[in-house]
């Protein structure tokens, strides 16, 4: 008899039947209770705070706790009503199986899980960490060089190619002889398709209107607010330039862009935490690969 019992204990089929019996018994004892619980909604502080976090897509318990405490009774009741309404609709939709095969619902759940995995750690970068981040991403924060100038345009289309260059040199001498200033350019210029005055404009902006050749020539000019220079050739024709100012490109200090650096560094760290958490979850799953013929790879 004991030998028979030992064989039965080792038999997998017996284990399966025993487990099935326990599941059936559990359903009989607690099934009705579970069904009743499915129509029971518990609304407490923790649930409402979590609801506020998901609405804002930001997991900052301290912030939302203070926001919740500052609510008036009417505002809290409105929050409770909204939470209950969404919870009821969510449960009824799941009961009908509406989430199955719904790619939009799938995407929303993936996004929510992603927000959850970002972690709500109180991330306050130090000045040293911000400087290190700024140095590592200098290209994103660099301030481009700029030029401030006015110009007199000599149009070859109107004057002819050979005459236009001669006229440009003649007008250059005239401008300097008369000590023409920044505001005198319209008296001498031909009609130009773009601007007359360029104030603190970057190389990309200037090249977009004059061409790369003009921009390269402009970079070689010294700043001189009292003397016209040129002629400089562009895609449109000839230009006489009064270069008022040039500001070299530079990397701003941490103090100048601290708020922007803090936001960017926190965002990057949150993304890194999320990716690490996702990879940790993926490692808990067994992934089977199939080729295009449906065979396991």
C-alpha atoms as a PDB file:
ATOM      1  CA  UNK A   1       0.000   0.000   0.000  1.00  0.00           C
ATOM      2  CA  UNK A   2       2.814   2.397   0.866  1.00  0.00           C
ATOM      3  CA  UNK A   3       4.595   1.529  -2.373  1.00  0.00           C
ATOM      4  CA  UNK A   4       1.415   2.348  -4.309  1.00  0.00           C
ATOM      5  CA  UNK A   5       1.103   5.691  -2.564  1.00  0.00           C
ATOM      6  CA  UNK A   6       4.732   6.522  -3.367  1.00  0.00           C
ATOM      7  CA  UNK A   7       4.126   5.725  -7.061  1.00  0.00           C
ATOM      8  CA  UNK A   8       1.001   7.913  -7.088  1.00  0.00           C
ATOM      9  CA  UNK A   9       2.858  10.830  -5.489  1.00  0.00           C
ATOM     10  CA  UNK A  10       5.483  10.657  -8.242  1.00  0.00           C
ATOM     11  CA  UNK A  11       2.905  10.367 -11.056  1.00  0.00           C
ATOM     12  CA  UNK A  12       2.584  13.683 -13.072  1.00  0.00           C
ATOM     13  CA  UNK A  13      -1.034  12.922 -13.958  1.00  0.00           C
ATOM     14  CA  UNK A  14      -1.920  12.844 -10.279  1.00  0.00           C
ATOM     15  CA  UNK A  15      -0.259  16.236  -9.804  1.00  0.00           C
ATOM     16  CA  UNK A  16      -2.261  17.638 -12.709  1.00  0.00           C
ATOM     17  CA  UNK A  17      -5.571  16.301 -11.381  1.00  0.00           C
ATOM     18  CA  UNK A  18      -4.805  17.590  -7.881  1.00  0.00           C
ATOM     19  CA  UNK A  19      -4.004  21.063  -9.189  1.00  0.00           C
ATOM     20  CA  UNK A  20      -7.180  21.068 -11.254  1.00  0.00           C
ATOM     21  CA  UNK A  21      -9.191  20.099  -8.193  1.00  0.00           C
ATOM     22  CA  UNK A  22      -7.686  22.919  -6.163  1.00  0.00           C
ATOM     23  CA  UNK A  23      -8.483  25.430  -8.895  1.00  0.00           C
ATOM     24  CA  UNK A  24     -12.078  24.174  -9.088  1.00  0.00           C
ATOM     25  CA  UNK A  25     -12.440  24.320  -5.315  1.00  0.00           C
ATOM     26  CA  UNK A  26     -10.988  27.821  -5.214  1.00  0.00           C
ATOM     27  CA  UNK A  27     -13.378  28.999  -7.887  1.00  0.00           C
ATOM     28  CA  UNK A  28     -16.299  27.473  -6.032  1.00  0.00           C
ATOM     29  CA  UNK A  29     -15.309  29.124  -2.760  1.00  0.00           C
ATOM     30  CA  UNK A  30     -14.190  32.519  -3.986  1.00  0.00           C
ATOM     31  CA  UNK A  31     -15.555  32.867  -7.510  1.00  0.00           C
ATOM     32  CA  UNK A  32     -18.720  34.642  -6.397  1.00  0.00           C
ATOM     33  CA  UNK A  33     -16.658  36.932  -4.179  1.00  0.00           C
ATOM     34  CA  UNK A  34     -14.332  37.832  -7.105  1.00  0.00           C
ATOM     35  CA  UNK A  35     -17.315  38.610  -9.305  1.00  0.00           C
ATOM     36  CA  UNK A  36     -18.659  40.923  -6.629  1.00  0.00           C
ATOM     37  CA  UNK A  37     -15.255  42.578  -6.285  1.00  0.00           C
ATOM     38  CA  UNK A  38     -15.233  43.297 -10.014  1.00  0.00           C
ATOM     39  CA  UNK A  39     -18.056  45.771  -9.344  1.00  0.00           C
ATOM     40  CA  UNK A  40     -16.327  47.296  -6.325  1.00  0.00           C
ATOM     41  CA  UNK A  41     -14.201  50.402  -6.843  1.00  0.00           C
ATOM     42  CA  UNK A  42     -11.907  51.495  -4.042  1.00  0.00           C
ATOM     43  CA  UNK A  43     -11.164  55.208  -4.157  1.00  0.00           C
ATOM     44  CA  UNK A  44      -8.441  56.331  -1.795  1.00  0.00           C
ATOM     45  CA  UNK A  45      -5.653  58.869  -1.723  1.00  0.00           C
ATOM     46  CA  UNK A  46      -3.110  56.510  -3.299  1.00  0.00           C
ATOM     47  CA  UNK A  47      -5.419  55.665  -6.215  1.00  0.00           C
ATOM     48  CA  UNK A  48      -6.201  59.312  -6.904  1.00  0.00           C
ATOM     49  CA  UNK A  49      -2.555  60.349  -6.731  1.00  0.00           C
ATOM     50  CA  UNK A  50      -1.634  57.603  -9.171  1.00  0.00           C
ATOM     51  CA  UNK A  51      -4.486  58.731 -11.415  1.00  0.00           C
ATOM     52  CA  UNK A  52      -3.124  62.299 -11.416  1.00  0.00           C
ATOM     53  CA  UNK A  53       0.357  61.014 -12.289  1.00  0.00           C
ATOM     54  CA  UNK A  54      -0.872  58.991 -15.246  1.00  0.00           C
ATOM     55  CA  UNK A  55      -2.930  61.911 -16.495  1.00  0.00           C
ATOM     56  CA  UNK A  56       0.118  64.178 -16.446  1.00  0.00           C
ATOM     57  CA  UNK A  57       2.507  61.439 -17.646  1.00  0.00           C
ATOM     58  CA  UNK A  58       4.878  62.483 -14.882  1.00  0.00           C
ATOM     59  CA  UNK A  59       5.733  60.450 -11.796  1.00  0.00           C
ATOM     60  CA  UNK A  60       6.492  63.018  -9.118  1.00  0.00           C
ATOM     61  CA  UNK A  61       4.659  61.927  -5.944  1.00  0.00           C
ATOM     62  CA  UNK A  62       5.597  65.023  -3.971  1.00  0.00           C
ATOM     63  CA  UNK A  63       4.251  67.403  -6.606  1.00  0.00           C
ATOM     64  CA  UNK A  64       0.923  65.638  -6.996  1.00  0.00           C
ATOM     65  CA  UNK A  65       0.539  65.128  -3.272  1.00  0.00           C
ATOM     66  CA  UNK A  66       0.775  68.893  -2.778  1.00  0.00           C
ATOM     67  CA  UNK A  67      -1.594  69.466  -5.687  1.00  0.00           C
ATOM     68  CA  UNK A  68      -4.106  67.038  -4.187  1.00  0.00           C
ATOM     69  CA  UNK A  69      -3.894  68.653  -0.730  1.00  0.00           C
ATOM     70  CA  UNK A  70      -4.510  72.092  -2.251  1.00  0.00           C
ATOM     71  CA  UNK A  71      -7.758  71.002  -3.923  1.00  0.00           C
ATOM     72  CA  UNK A  72     -11.065  72.316  -2.693  1.00  0.00           C
ATOM     73  CA  UNK A  73     -13.809  69.793  -1.747  1.00  0.00           C
ATOM     74  CA  UNK A  74     -15.531  70.509  -5.066  1.00  0.00           C
ATOM     75  CA  UNK A  75     -12.323  69.881  -7.017  1.00  0.00           C
ATOM     76  CA  UNK A  76     -11.704  66.626  -5.169  1.00  0.00           C
ATOM     77  CA  UNK A  77     -15.233  65.458  -5.870  1.00  0.00           C
ATOM     78  CA  UNK A  78     -14.758  66.277  -9.545  1.00  0.00           C
ATOM     79  CA  UNK A  79     -11.528  64.265  -9.541  1.00  0.00           C
ATOM     80  CA  UNK A  80     -13.273  61.323  -7.846  1.00  0.00           C
ATOM     81  CA  UNK A  81     -16.151  61.413 -10.343  1.00  0.00           C
ATOM     82  CA  UNK A  82     -13.733  61.451 -13.253  1.00  0.00           C
ATOM     83  CA  UNK A  83     -11.684  58.599 -11.802  1.00  0.00           C
ATOM     84  CA  UNK A  84     -14.773  56.450 -11.132  1.00  0.00           C
ATOM     85  CA  UNK A  85     -16.184  57.137 -14.596  1.00  0.00           C
ATOM     86  CA  UNK A  86     -12.972  56.077 -16.330  1.00  0.00           C
ATOM     87  CA  UNK A  87     -12.534  53.042 -14.077  1.00  0.00           C
ATOM     88  CA  UNK A  88     -16.084  51.814 -14.816  1.00  0.00           C
ATOM     89  CA  UNK A  89     -15.666  52.271 -18.564  1.00  0.00           C
ATOM     90  CA  UNK A  90     -12.256  50.577 -18.463  1.00  0.00           C
ATOM     91  CA  UNK A  91     -13.599  47.533 -16.591  1.00  0.00           C
ATOM     92  CA  UNK A  92     -16.637  47.201 -18.833  1.00  0.00           C
ATOM     93  CA  UNK A  93     -14.454  47.455 -21.950  1.00  0.00           C
ATOM     94  CA  UNK A  94     -12.199  44.701 -20.629  1.00  0.00           C
ATOM     95  CA  UNK A  95     -15.197  42.561 -19.719  1.00  0.00           C
ATOM     96  CA  UNK A  96     -16.312  42.804 -23.355  1.00  0.00           C
ATOM     97  CA  UNK A  97     -12.798  41.985 -24.556  1.00  0.00           C
ATOM     98  CA  UNK A  98     -12.515  45.265 -26.433  1.00  0.00           C
ATOM     99  CA  UNK A  99      -8.784  45.495 -25.782  1.00  0.00           C
ATOM    100  CA  UNK A 100      -8.051  42.291 -27.712  1.00  0.00           C
ATOM    101  CA  UNK A 101      -6.625  43.005 -31.147  1.00  0.00           C
ATOM    102  CA  UNK A 102      -6.764  46.767 -30.560  1.00  0.00           C
ATOM    103  CA  UNK A 103      -3.416  48.192 -31.621  1.00  0.00           C
ATOM    104  CA  UNK A 104      -4.270  51.623 -30.205  1.00  0.00           C
ATOM    105  CA  UNK A 105      -4.966  50.080 -26.788  1.00  0.00           C
ATOM    106  CA  UNK A 106      -1.766  48.058 -27.080  1.00  0.00           C
ATOM    107  CA  UNK A 107       0.228  51.202 -27.811  1.00  0.00           C
ATOM    108  CA  UNK A 108      -1.340  53.065 -24.875  1.00  0.00           C
ATOM    109  CA  UNK A 109      -0.477  50.230 -22.495  1.00  0.00           C
ATOM    110  CA  UNK A 110       3.086  50.081 -23.808  1.00  0.00           C
ATOM    111  CA  UNK A 111       3.406  53.848 -23.318  1.00  0.00           C
ATOM    112  CA  UNK A 112       2.036  53.676 -19.778  1.00  0.00           C
ATOM    113  CA  UNK A 113       4.424  50.866 -18.923  1.00  0.00           C
ATOM    114  CA  UNK A 114       7.236  52.946 -20.340  1.00  0.00           C
ATOM    115  CA  UNK A 115       6.308  55.934 -18.171  1.00  0.00           C
ATOM    116  CA  UNK A 116       6.157  53.661 -15.143  1.00  0.00           C
ATOM    117  CA  UNK A 117       9.623  52.270 -15.827  1.00  0.00           C
ATOM    118  CA  UNK A 118      11.170  55.736 -16.104  1.00  0.00           C
ATOM    119  CA  UNK A 119      11.198  55.857 -12.278  1.00  0.00           C
ATOM    120  CA  UNK A 120      10.252  58.804 -10.145  1.00  0.00           C
ATOM    121  CA  UNK A 121      13.686  59.271  -8.608  1.00  0.00           C
ATOM    122  CA  UNK A 122      14.424  62.771  -7.385  1.00  0.00           C
ATOM    123  CA  UNK A 123      17.050  63.616  -9.992  1.00  0.00           C
ATOM    124  CA  UNK A 124      18.851  66.880  -9.179  1.00  0.00           C
ATOM    125  CA  UNK A 125      22.043  67.164 -11.227  1.00  0.00           C
ATOM    126  CA  UNK A 126      25.004  68.954  -9.697  1.00  0.00           C
ATOM    127  CA  UNK A 127      26.786  71.806 -11.458  1.00  0.00           C
ATOM    128  CA  UNK A 128      29.681  69.456 -12.227  1.00  0.00           C
ATOM    129  CA  UNK A 129      27.315  66.944 -13.827  1.00  0.00           C
ATOM    130  CA  UNK A 130      25.693  69.700 -15.881  1.00  0.00           C
ATOM    131  CA  UNK A 131      29.101  70.916 -17.076  1.00  0.00           C
ATOM    132  CA  UNK A 132      30.054  67.382 -18.051  1.00  0.00           C
ATOM    133  CA  UNK A 133      26.778  67.000 -19.956  1.00  0.00           C
ATOM    134  CA  UNK A 134      27.283  70.361 -21.684  1.00  0.00           C
ATOM    135  CA  UNK A 135      30.807  69.406 -22.774  1.00  0.00           C
ATOM    136  CA  UNK A 136      29.584  66.062 -24.115  1.00  0.00           C
ATOM    137  CA  UNK A 137      26.789  67.699 -26.137  1.00  0.00           C
ATOM    138  CA  UNK A 138      28.505  70.942 -27.092  1.00  0.00           C
ATOM    139  CA  UNK A 139      27.143  70.902 -30.646  1.00  0.00           C
ATOM    140  CA  UNK A 140      23.561  71.048 -29.330  1.00  0.00           C
ATOM    141  CA  UNK A 141      24.142  74.172 -27.240  1.00  0.00           C
ATOM    142  CA  UNK A 142      26.785  76.072 -29.203  1.00  0.00           C
ATOM    143  CA  UNK A 143      25.846  79.653 -30.072  1.00  0.00           C
ATOM    144  CA  UNK A 144      26.510  80.233 -33.771  1.00  0.00           C
ATOM    145  CA  UNK A 145      28.655  83.179 -34.895  1.00  0.00           C
ATOM    146  CA  UNK A 146      26.793  86.177 -36.293  1.00  0.00           C
ATOM    147  CA  UNK A 147      27.384  89.221 -38.490  1.00  0.00           C
ATOM    148  CA  UNK A 148      25.710  92.621 -38.614  1.00  0.00           C
ATOM    149  CA  UNK A 149      26.067  94.533 -41.889  1.00  0.00           C
ATOM    150  CA  UNK A 150      24.331  96.496 -44.595  1.00  0.00           C
ATOM    151  CA  UNK A 151      25.100  96.269 -48.299  1.00  0.00           C
ATOM    152  CA  UNK A 152      24.712  98.042 -51.639  1.00  0.00           C
ATOM    153  CA  UNK A 153      23.710  95.668 -54.427  1.00  0.00           C
ATOM    154  CA  UNK A 154      24.942  96.114 -58.008  1.00  0.00           C
ATOM    155  CA  UNK A 155      22.719  94.080 -60.359  1.00  0.00           C
ATOM    156  CA  UNK A 156      24.422  92.529 -63.426  1.00  0.00           C
ATOM    157  CA  UNK A 157      21.037  91.632 -64.834  1.00  0.00           C
ATOM    158  CA  UNK A 158      20.136  95.283 -65.058  1.00  0.00           C
ATOM    159  CA  UNK A 159      23.534  96.818 -65.829  1.00  0.00           C
ATOM    160  CA  UNK A 160      25.246  94.001 -67.750  1.00  0.00           C
ATOM    161  CA  UNK A 161      28.032  91.788 -66.409  1.00  0.00           C
ATOM    162  CA  UNK A 162      31.062  93.888 -67.401  1.00  0.00           C
ATOM    163  CA  UNK A 163      29.551  97.216 -66.425  1.00  0.00           C
ATOM    164  CA  UNK A 164      28.221  95.914 -63.108  1.00  0.00           C
ATOM    165  CA  UNK A 165      31.714  95.166 -61.772  1.00  0.00           C
ATOM    166  CA  UNK A 166      33.033  98.551 -62.948  1.00  0.00           C
ATOM    167  CA  UNK A 167      30.082 100.330 -61.356  1.00  0.00           C
ATOM    168  CA  UNK A 168      30.605  98.416 -58.121  1.00  0.00           C
ATOM    169  CA  UNK A 169      34.176  99.683 -57.810  1.00  0.00           C
ATOM    170  CA  UNK A 170      33.164 103.230 -58.698  1.00  0.00           C
ATOM    171  CA  UNK A 171      30.296 103.293 -56.175  1.00  0.00           C
ATOM    172  CA  UNK A 172      32.610 101.809 -53.497  1.00  0.00           C
ATOM    173  CA  UNK A 173      34.929 104.817 -53.853  1.00  0.00           C
ATOM    174  CA  UNK A 174      31.964 107.165 -53.770  1.00  0.00           C
ATOM    175  CA  UNK A 175      30.557 105.626 -50.581  1.00  0.00           C
ATOM    176  CA  UNK A 176      33.859 105.965 -48.739  1.00  0.00           C
ATOM    177  CA  UNK A 177      34.523 109.466 -50.079  1.00  0.00           C
ATOM    178  CA  UNK A 178      31.158 110.643 -48.807  1.00  0.00           C
ATOM    179  CA  UNK A 179      31.474 108.721 -45.514  1.00  0.00           C
ATOM    180  CA  UNK A 180      28.129 107.027 -46.174  1.00  0.00           C
ATOM    181  CA  UNK A 181      26.676 105.389 -43.108  1.00  0.00           C
ATOM    182  CA  UNK A 182      24.522 102.376 -42.298  1.00  0.00           C
ATOM    183  CA  UNK A 183      21.278 104.127 -43.266  1.00  0.00           C
ATOM    184  CA  UNK A 184      22.602 105.551 -46.558  1.00  0.00           C
ATOM    185  CA  UNK A 185      22.699 102.232 -48.430  1.00  0.00           C
ATOM    186  CA  UNK A 186      19.178 102.543 -49.992  1.00  0.00           C
ATOM    187  CA  UNK A 187      20.316 105.667 -51.892  1.00  0.00           C
ATOM    188  CA  UNK A 188      22.955 103.702 -53.828  1.00  0.00           C
ATOM    189  CA  UNK A 189      21.634 100.145 -54.164  1.00  0.00           C
ATOM    190  CA  UNK A 190      19.842  98.368 -56.974  1.00  0.00           C
ATOM    191  CA  UNK A 191      16.728  96.411 -56.074  1.00  0.00           C
ATOM    192  CA  UNK A 192      17.644  93.270 -54.097  1.00  0.00           C
ATOM    193  CA  UNK A 193      15.379  90.262 -53.631  1.00  0.00           C
ATOM    194  CA  UNK A 194      16.059  89.913 -49.912  1.00  0.00           C
ATOM    195  CA  UNK A 195      17.039  92.319 -47.101  1.00  0.00           C
ATOM    196  CA  UNK A 196      18.992  95.541 -47.014  1.00  0.00           C
ATOM    197  CA  UNK A 197      20.236  95.280 -43.437  1.00  0.00           C
ATOM    198  CA  UNK A 198      21.327  92.089 -41.700  1.00  0.00           C
ATOM    199  CA  UNK A 199      21.499  92.248 -37.897  1.00  0.00           C
ATOM    200  CA  UNK A 200      23.126  89.385 -35.946  1.00  0.00           C
ATOM    201  CA  UNK A 201      22.552  86.879 -38.733  1.00  0.00           C
ATOM    202  CA  UNK A 202      24.178  83.426 -38.701  1.00  0.00           C
ATOM    203  CA  UNK A 203      26.281  81.924 -41.515  1.00  0.00           C
ATOM    204  CA  UNK A 204      23.500  79.555 -42.559  1.00  0.00           C
ATOM    205  CA  UNK A 205      21.009  82.393 -42.863  1.00  0.00           C
ATOM    206  CA  UNK A 206      23.373  84.638 -44.816  1.00  0.00           C
ATOM    207  CA  UNK A 207      24.472  81.822 -47.150  1.00  0.00           C
ATOM    208  CA  UNK A 208      20.832  80.961 -47.858  1.00  0.00           C
ATOM    209  CA  UNK A 209      20.350  84.439 -49.396  1.00  0.00           C
ATOM    210  CA  UNK A 210      23.773  85.284 -50.825  1.00  0.00           C
ATOM    211  CA  UNK A 211      25.407  81.887 -51.398  1.00  0.00           C
ATOM    212  CA  UNK A 212      28.438  80.142 -49.916  1.00  0.00           C
ATOM    213  CA  UNK A 213      30.958  82.217 -51.902  1.00  0.00           C
ATOM    214  CA  UNK A 214      29.683  85.476 -50.412  1.00  0.00           C
ATOM    215  CA  UNK A 215      29.618  84.008 -46.906  1.00  0.00           C
ATOM    216  CA  UNK A 216      33.206  82.846 -47.210  1.00  0.00           C
ATOM    217  CA  UNK A 217      34.303  86.314 -48.401  1.00  0.00           C
ATOM    218  CA  UNK A 218      32.349  88.009 -45.599  1.00  0.00           C
ATOM    219  CA  UNK A 219      34.149  85.885 -42.999  1.00  0.00           C
ATOM    220  CA  UNK A 220      37.453  87.284 -44.240  1.00  0.00           C
ATOM    221  CA  UNK A 221      36.496  90.951 -43.770  1.00  0.00           C
ATOM    222  CA  UNK A 222      37.554  92.961 -40.712  1.00  0.00           C
ATOM    223  CA  UNK A 223      34.872  94.781 -38.770  1.00  0.00           C
ATOM    224  CA  UNK A 224      34.939  98.459 -39.760  1.00  0.00           C
ATOM    225  CA  UNK A 225      31.859 100.573 -39.200  1.00  0.00           C
ATOM    226  CA  UNK A 226      33.437 103.566 -40.982  1.00  0.00           C
ATOM    227  CA  UNK A 227      34.605 101.987 -44.224  1.00  0.00           C
ATOM    228  CA  UNK A 228      32.748 100.175 -47.008  1.00  0.00           C
ATOM    229  CA  UNK A 229      34.429  97.001 -48.319  1.00  0.00           C
ATOM    230  CA  UNK A 230      34.170  94.919 -51.453  1.00  0.00           C
ATOM    231  CA  UNK A 231      33.035  94.309 -54.023  1.00  0.00           C
ATOM    232  CA  UNK A 232      31.930  90.830 -52.857  1.00  0.00           C
ATOM    233  CA  UNK A 233      30.366  88.516 -55.400  1.00  0.00           C
ATOM    234  CA  UNK A 234      27.198  86.558 -54.648  1.00  0.00           C
ATOM    235  CA  UNK A 235      24.791  84.382 -56.594  1.00  0.00           C
ATOM    236  CA  UNK A 236      22.856  87.558 -57.470  1.00  0.00           C
ATOM    237  CA  UNK A 237      25.698  89.936 -58.380  1.00  0.00           C
ATOM    238  CA  UNK A 238      28.078  92.370 -56.653  1.00  0.00           C
ATOM    239  CA  UNK A 239      27.831  93.795 -53.133  1.00  0.00           C
ATOM    240  CA  UNK A 240      29.509  96.608 -51.239  1.00  0.00           C
ATOM    241  CA  UNK A 241      29.464  95.855 -47.528  1.00  0.00           C
ATOM    242  CA  UNK A 242      29.585  97.979 -44.384  1.00  0.00           C
ATOM    243  CA  UNK A 243      30.422  95.428 -41.682  1.00  0.00           C
ATOM    244  CA  UNK A 244      29.317  96.772 -38.303  1.00  0.00           C
ATOM    245  CA  UNK A 245      29.848  93.792 -35.981  1.00  0.00           C
ATOM    246  CA  UNK A 246      30.891  90.175 -35.801  1.00  0.00           C
ATOM    247  CA  UNK A 247      30.247  87.925 -32.798  1.00  0.00           C
ATOM    248  CA  UNK A 248      32.282  84.685 -32.772  1.00  0.00           C
ATOM    249  CA  UNK A 249      30.584  81.399 -32.031  1.00  0.00           C
ATOM    250  CA  UNK A 250      30.886  80.152 -28.468  1.00  0.00           C
ATOM    251  CA  UNK A 251      29.713  77.581 -25.974  1.00  0.00           C
ATOM    252  CA  UNK A 252      27.433  79.116 -23.316  1.00  0.00           C
ATOM    253  CA  UNK A 253      28.153  78.627 -19.640  1.00  0.00           C
ATOM    254  CA  UNK A 254      26.137  76.340 -17.385  1.00  0.00           C
ATOM    255  CA  UNK A 255      24.737  79.377 -15.573  1.00  0.00           C
ATOM    256  CA  UNK A 256      23.341  80.798 -18.834  1.00  0.00           C
ATOM    257  CA  UNK A 257      21.348  77.694 -19.784  1.00  0.00           C
ATOM    258  CA  UNK A 258      21.034  75.824 -16.462  1.00  0.00           C
ATOM    259  CA  UNK A 259      17.266  75.197 -16.706  1.00  0.00           C
ATOM    260  CA  UNK A 260      17.568  73.820 -20.228  1.00  0.00           C
ATOM    261  CA  UNK A 261      20.487  71.582 -19.251  1.00  0.00           C
ATOM    262  CA  UNK A 262      18.630  70.256 -16.199  1.00  0.00           C
ATOM    263  CA  UNK A 263      15.564  69.388 -18.306  1.00  0.00           C
ATOM    264  CA  UNK A 264      17.624  67.708 -21.023  1.00  0.00           C
ATOM    265  CA  UNK A 265      19.807  65.755 -18.610  1.00  0.00           C
ATOM    266  CA  UNK A 266      16.794  64.556 -16.618  1.00  0.00           C
ATOM    267  CA  UNK A 267      15.069  63.485 -19.822  1.00  0.00           C
ATOM    268  CA  UNK A 268      18.120  61.536 -20.971  1.00  0.00           C
ATOM    269  CA  UNK A 269      18.561  59.883 -17.587  1.00  0.00           C
ATOM    270  CA  UNK A 270      14.878  58.923 -17.476  1.00  0.00           C
ATOM    271  CA  UNK A 271      15.198  57.364 -20.934  1.00  0.00           C
ATOM    272  CA  UNK A 272      18.274  55.430 -19.810  1.00  0.00           C
ATOM    273  CA  UNK A 273      16.507  54.160 -16.675  1.00  0.00           C
ATOM    274  CA  UNK A 274      13.533  53.141 -18.769  1.00  0.00           C
ATOM    275  CA  UNK A 275      15.678  51.256 -21.272  1.00  0.00           C
ATOM    276  CA  UNK A 276      17.575  49.462 -18.491  1.00  0.00           C
ATOM    277  CA  UNK A 277      14.289  48.435 -16.864  1.00  0.00           C
ATOM    278  CA  UNK A 278      12.842  47.247 -20.186  1.00  0.00           C
ATOM    279  CA  UNK A 279      15.934  45.171 -20.922  1.00  0.00           C
ATOM    280  CA  UNK A 280      15.734  43.643 -17.428  1.00  0.00           C
ATOM    281  CA  UNK A 281      12.124  42.640 -18.119  1.00  0.00           C
ATOM    282  CA  UNK A 282      12.993  41.245 -21.556  1.00  0.00           C
ATOM    283  CA  UNK A 283      15.641  39.026 -19.986  1.00  0.00           C
ATOM    284  CA  UNK A 284      12.892  37.358 -17.925  1.00  0.00           C
ATOM    285  CA  UNK A 285      11.158  36.146 -21.094  1.00  0.00           C
ATOM    286  CA  UNK A 286      12.020  33.275 -23.378  1.00  0.00           C
ATOM    287  CA  UNK A 287      11.982  34.523 -26.955  1.00  0.00           C
ATOM    288  CA  UNK A 288      11.573  32.021 -29.797  1.00  0.00           C
ATOM    289  CA  UNK A 289      12.586  33.118 -33.276  1.00  0.00           C
ATOM    290  CA  UNK A 290      11.094  31.716 -36.457  1.00  0.00           C
ATOM    291  CA  UNK A 291      12.332  32.009 -40.024  1.00  0.00           C
ATOM    292  CA  UNK A 292      10.068  33.034 -42.911  1.00  0.00           C
ATOM    293  CA  UNK A 293       9.045  29.397 -43.418  1.00  0.00           C
ATOM    294  CA  UNK A 294       7.706  29.208 -39.883  1.00  0.00           C
ATOM    295  CA  UNK A 295      10.491  27.031 -38.499  1.00  0.00           C
ATOM    296  CA  UNK A 296      12.125  27.701 -35.186  1.00  0.00           C
ATOM    297  CA  UNK A 297      15.473  29.484 -35.543  1.00  0.00           C
END
